[in-house]
Amino acid sequence: MKKFYFLTVILLIAVLFLGFNMRFPIRYLNIIAANAGELEFALVLAVIKTESSFRENVVSHAGAQGLMQLMPATAEELISQLGLDAESKDIFLPEINIALGTAYLNKLKQMYGCEQLALVAYNAGQGRVNSWLQNPEISSDGKTLDSIPFNETRNYLQRVNRNKRLYRIRLWFHEFFRDFGGFR
């Protein structure tokens, strides 16, 4: 009887682990590693998961494109700034989209001085964040937001932060099993 319970627990853990792996895939890690800069890999994976659920050819209702959901004008500007040998139609290629998305997120993080404000700007736009920072009802110090006026952006930030925490766990297991020589 003890053997039955032990096997049941092992099977349950395996099913949960496989479900976790399927729900939070680790894809494009080599591309992320080549482009992340100062960004944590878990953050980049969380943004991709939140923005596109790893669908390369997705286009949002607002017109944002690809894995990291970049607006075409932002992509064109970044292609020019980075001197990439790419065109705006290449935005759907994972190596281009991730290079542009991580460059943009790094730029926002540097501009605003913190990851959370960079994520808010990534979602709502720099213009909105700048105006919110100048509004004393939203920002008491002009450097941080006391509240986020848009429900969509507030929910986006919560989802990215939750996904980042889960990707930290997922990456730990990924590294553990890789180092252990076991499953991938």
Protein backbone atom coordinates (compact mmCIF):
# COMPACT_ATOMS: atom_id res chain seq x y z
CA MET A 1 0.00 0.00 0.00
CA LYS A 2 2.86 2.40 0.80
CA LYS A 3 4.33 1.64 -2.61
CA PHE A 4 1.04 2.62 -4.26
CA TYR A 5 0.94 5.99 -2.47
CA PHE A 6 4.59 6.63 -3.26
CA LEU A 7 4.05 5.89 -6.97
CA THR A 8 0.91 8.03 -6.99
CA VAL A 9 2.82 10.98 -5.51
CA ILE A 10 5.68 10.51 -8.01
CA LEU A 11 3.20 10.33 -10.90
CA LEU A 12 1.39 13.45 -9.67
CA ILE A 13 4.69 15.36 -9.41
CA ALA A 14 5.67 14.23 -12.91
CA VAL A 15 2.33 15.34 -14.39
CA LEU A 16 2.55 18.73 -12.64
CA PHE A 17 6.16 19.17 -13.78
CA LEU A 18 5.29 18.31 -17.40
CA GLY A 19 2.31 20.68 -17.30
CA PHE A 20 4.50 23.44 -15.88
CA ASN A 21 7.07 22.83 -18.64
CA MET A 22 4.39 22.97 -21.33
CA ARG A 23 2.72 26.08 -19.93
CA PHE A 24 6.03 27.90 -19.47
CA PRO A 25 8.22 26.81 -22.38
CA ILE A 26 11.84 27.79 -22.68
CA ARG A 27 12.44 28.75 -26.28
CA TYR A 28 14.95 30.98 -28.04
CA LEU A 29 17.33 30.87 -25.06
CA ASN A 30 20.40 31.21 -27.29
CA ILE A 31 18.89 34.29 -28.98
CA ILE A 32 17.93 35.76 -25.61
CA ALA A 33 21.43 35.11 -24.25
CA ALA A 34 22.98 36.90 -27.24
CA ASN A 35 20.73 39.96 -26.86
CA ALA A 36 19.56 40.32 -23.23
CA GLY A 37 22.24 42.74 -22.17
CA GLU A 38 21.49 43.57 -18.55
CA LEU A 39 18.06 41.96 -18.63
CA GLU A 40 17.40 38.79 -16.66
CA PHE A 41 16.58 35.84 -18.95
CA ALA A 42 13.48 35.12 -16.84
CA LEU A 43 12.24 38.65 -17.56
CA VAL A 44 12.67 38.31 -21.32
CA LEU A 45 10.90 34.94 -21.31
CA ALA A 46 8.13 36.44 -19.16
CA VAL A 47 7.64 39.35 -21.57
CA ILE A 48 7.49 36.97 -24.55
CA LYS A 49 5.04 34.70 -22.71
CA THR A 50 2.86 37.65 -21.73
CA GLU A 51 3.02 39.44 -25.07
CA SER A 52 2.63 36.59 -27.55
CA SER A 53 2.63 33.22 -25.77
CA PHE A 54 5.63 32.40 -28.01
CA ARG A 55 3.67 32.84 -31.24
CA GLU A 56 6.07 34.33 -33.78
CA ASN A 57 3.54 35.71 -36.29
CA VAL A 58 1.00 37.25 -33.95
CA VAL A 59 -0.27 40.80 -34.55
CA SER A 60 -2.18 42.63 -31.82
CA HIS A 61 -5.32 44.71 -32.34
CA ALA A 62 -3.08 47.80 -31.97
CA GLY A 63 -0.68 46.53 -34.65
CA ALA A 64 2.18 45.30 -32.43
CA GLN A 65 4.01 42.41 -34.08
CA GLY A 66 5.95 39.26 -33.30
CA LEU A 67 7.13 37.53 -30.16
CA MET A 68 7.82 40.69 -28.16
CA GLN A 69 4.96 42.65 -29.76
CA LEU A 70 6.76 45.65 -31.21
CA MET A 71 5.02 48.44 -33.04
CA PRO A 72 6.35 48.74 -36.62
CA ALA A 73 7.54 52.35 -36.10
CA THR A 74 9.45 51.34 -32.96
CA ALA A 75 10.98 48.38 -34.81
CA GLU A 76 12.09 50.56 -37.72
CA GLU A 77 13.64 53.09 -35.35
CA LEU A 78 15.49 50.35 -33.44
CA ILE A 79 16.71 48.69 -36.66
CA SER A 80 18.22 52.02 -37.67
CA GLN A 81 19.69 52.75 -34.21
CA LEU A 82 21.22 49.28 -33.90
CA GLY A 83 22.47 49.24 -37.49
CA LEU A 84 20.87 45.86 -38.11
CA ASP A 85 20.82 44.40 -41.58
CA ALA A 86 17.06 43.94 -41.46
CA GLU A 87 13.83 45.39 -42.78
CA SER A 88 10.56 46.00 -41.00
CA LYS A 89 9.12 42.81 -42.53
CA ASP A 90 11.80 40.85 -40.62
CA ILE A 91 10.10 41.73 -37.33
CA PHE A 92 8.49 38.28 -37.28
CA LEU A 93 11.86 36.49 -37.29
CA PRO A 94 12.65 35.47 -33.68
CA GLU A 95 16.29 36.59 -33.87
CA ILE A 96 15.28 40.06 -35.11
CA ASN A 97 12.23 40.47 -32.87
CA ILE A 98 14.09 39.43 -29.72
CA ALA A 99 17.10 41.60 -30.62
CA LEU A 100 14.81 44.61 -31.07
CA GLY A 101 12.57 43.86 -28.08
CA THR A 102 15.46 43.38 -25.67
CA ALA A 103 17.23 46.49 -26.99
CA TYR A 104 14.06 48.49 -26.46
CA LEU A 105 13.48 47.09 -22.97
CA ASN A 106 17.12 47.79 -22.03
CA LYS A 107 16.74 51.34 -23.36
CA LEU A 108 13.58 51.87 -21.31
CA LYS A 109 15.18 50.43 -18.20
CA GLN A 110 18.13 52.78 -18.59
CA MET A 111 15.83 55.73 -19.32
CA TYR A 112 13.54 55.22 -16.32
CA GLY A 113 16.08 53.72 -13.94
CA CYS A 114 14.01 50.69 -12.97
CA GLU A 115 12.59 47.55 -14.49
CA GLN A 116 9.01 48.10 -13.36
CA LEU A 117 8.69 51.53 -14.95
CA ALA A 118 10.39 50.19 -18.09
CA LEU A 119 7.72 47.47 -18.31
CA VAL A 120 4.95 50.02 -17.86
CA ALA A 121 6.46 52.10 -20.69
CA TYR A 122 6.90 48.97 -22.83
CA ASN A 123 3.17 48.37 -22.56
CA ALA A 124 1.61 51.85 -22.37
CA GLY A 125 4.25 53.85 -24.24
CA GLN A 126 6.87 56.37 -23.18
CA GLY A 127 4.62 59.36 -23.81
CA ARG A 128 1.97 58.12 -21.40
CA VAL A 129 4.51 57.21 -18.73
CA ASN A 130 6.19 60.61 -19.04
CA SER A 131 2.85 62.38 -18.65
CA TRP A 132 1.92 60.17 -15.68
CA LEU A 133 5.24 61.00 -14.01
CA GLN A 134 4.45 64.71 -14.39
CA ASN A 135 0.99 64.32 -12.87
CA PRO A 136 1.13 64.77 -9.05
CA GLU A 137 -2.07 62.72 -8.66
CA ILE A 138 -0.29 59.70 -10.21
CA SER A 139 3.33 60.35 -9.21
CA SER A 140 4.14 62.11 -5.96
CA ASP A 141 7.87 62.35 -6.71
CA GLY A 142 8.01 62.55 -10.52
CA LYS A 143 10.22 59.45 -10.63
CA THR A 144 7.88 56.60 -9.68
CA LEU A 145 4.21 55.88 -10.20
CA ASP A 146 1.93 55.73 -7.17
CA SER A 147 -0.72 54.14 -9.37
CA ILE A 148 -1.16 53.01 -12.96
CA PRO A 149 -4.20 54.64 -14.58
CA PHE A 150 -4.79 51.90 -17.18
CA ASN A 151 -6.22 48.56 -16.01
CA GLU A 152 -4.64 46.85 -19.02
CA THR A 153 -1.17 48.14 -18.12
CA ARG A 154 -1.61 47.35 -14.42
CA ASN A 155 -2.69 43.79 -15.30
CA TYR A 156 0.17 43.50 -17.81
CA LEU A 157 2.72 44.42 -15.15
CA GLN A 158 1.24 41.89 -12.72
CA ARG A 159 1.30 39.12 -15.38
CA VAL A 160 4.90 39.84 -16.40
CA ASN A 161 6.03 39.86 -12.76
CA ARG A 162 4.19 36.59 -12.03
CA ASN A 163 5.59 34.98 -15.19
CA LYS A 164 9.09 36.19 -14.31
CA ARG A 165 8.90 34.50 -10.90
CA LEU A 166 7.68 31.28 -12.54
CA TYR A 167 10.39 31.47 -15.22
CA ARG A 168 13.04 31.82 -12.53
CA ILE A 169 11.84 28.47 -11.16
CA ARG A 170 11.56 26.98 -14.64
CA LEU A 171 15.10 28.10 -15.55
CA TRP A 172 16.45 26.68 -12.29
CA PHE A 173 14.97 23.27 -13.13
CA HIS A 174 16.20 23.59 -16.71
CA GLU A 175 19.76 24.22 -15.50
CA PHE A 176 19.54 21.55 -12.80
CA PHE A 177 18.53 18.83 -15.23
CA ARG A 178 21.01 20.02 -17.84
CA ASP A 179 23.84 19.95 -15.29
CA PHE A 180 22.54 16.70 -13.86
CA GLY A 181 22.70 15.18 -17.33
CA GLY A 182 19.08 14.19 -17.22
CA PHE A 183 15.97 15.49 -18.89
CA ARG A 184 15.71 18.68 -20.88
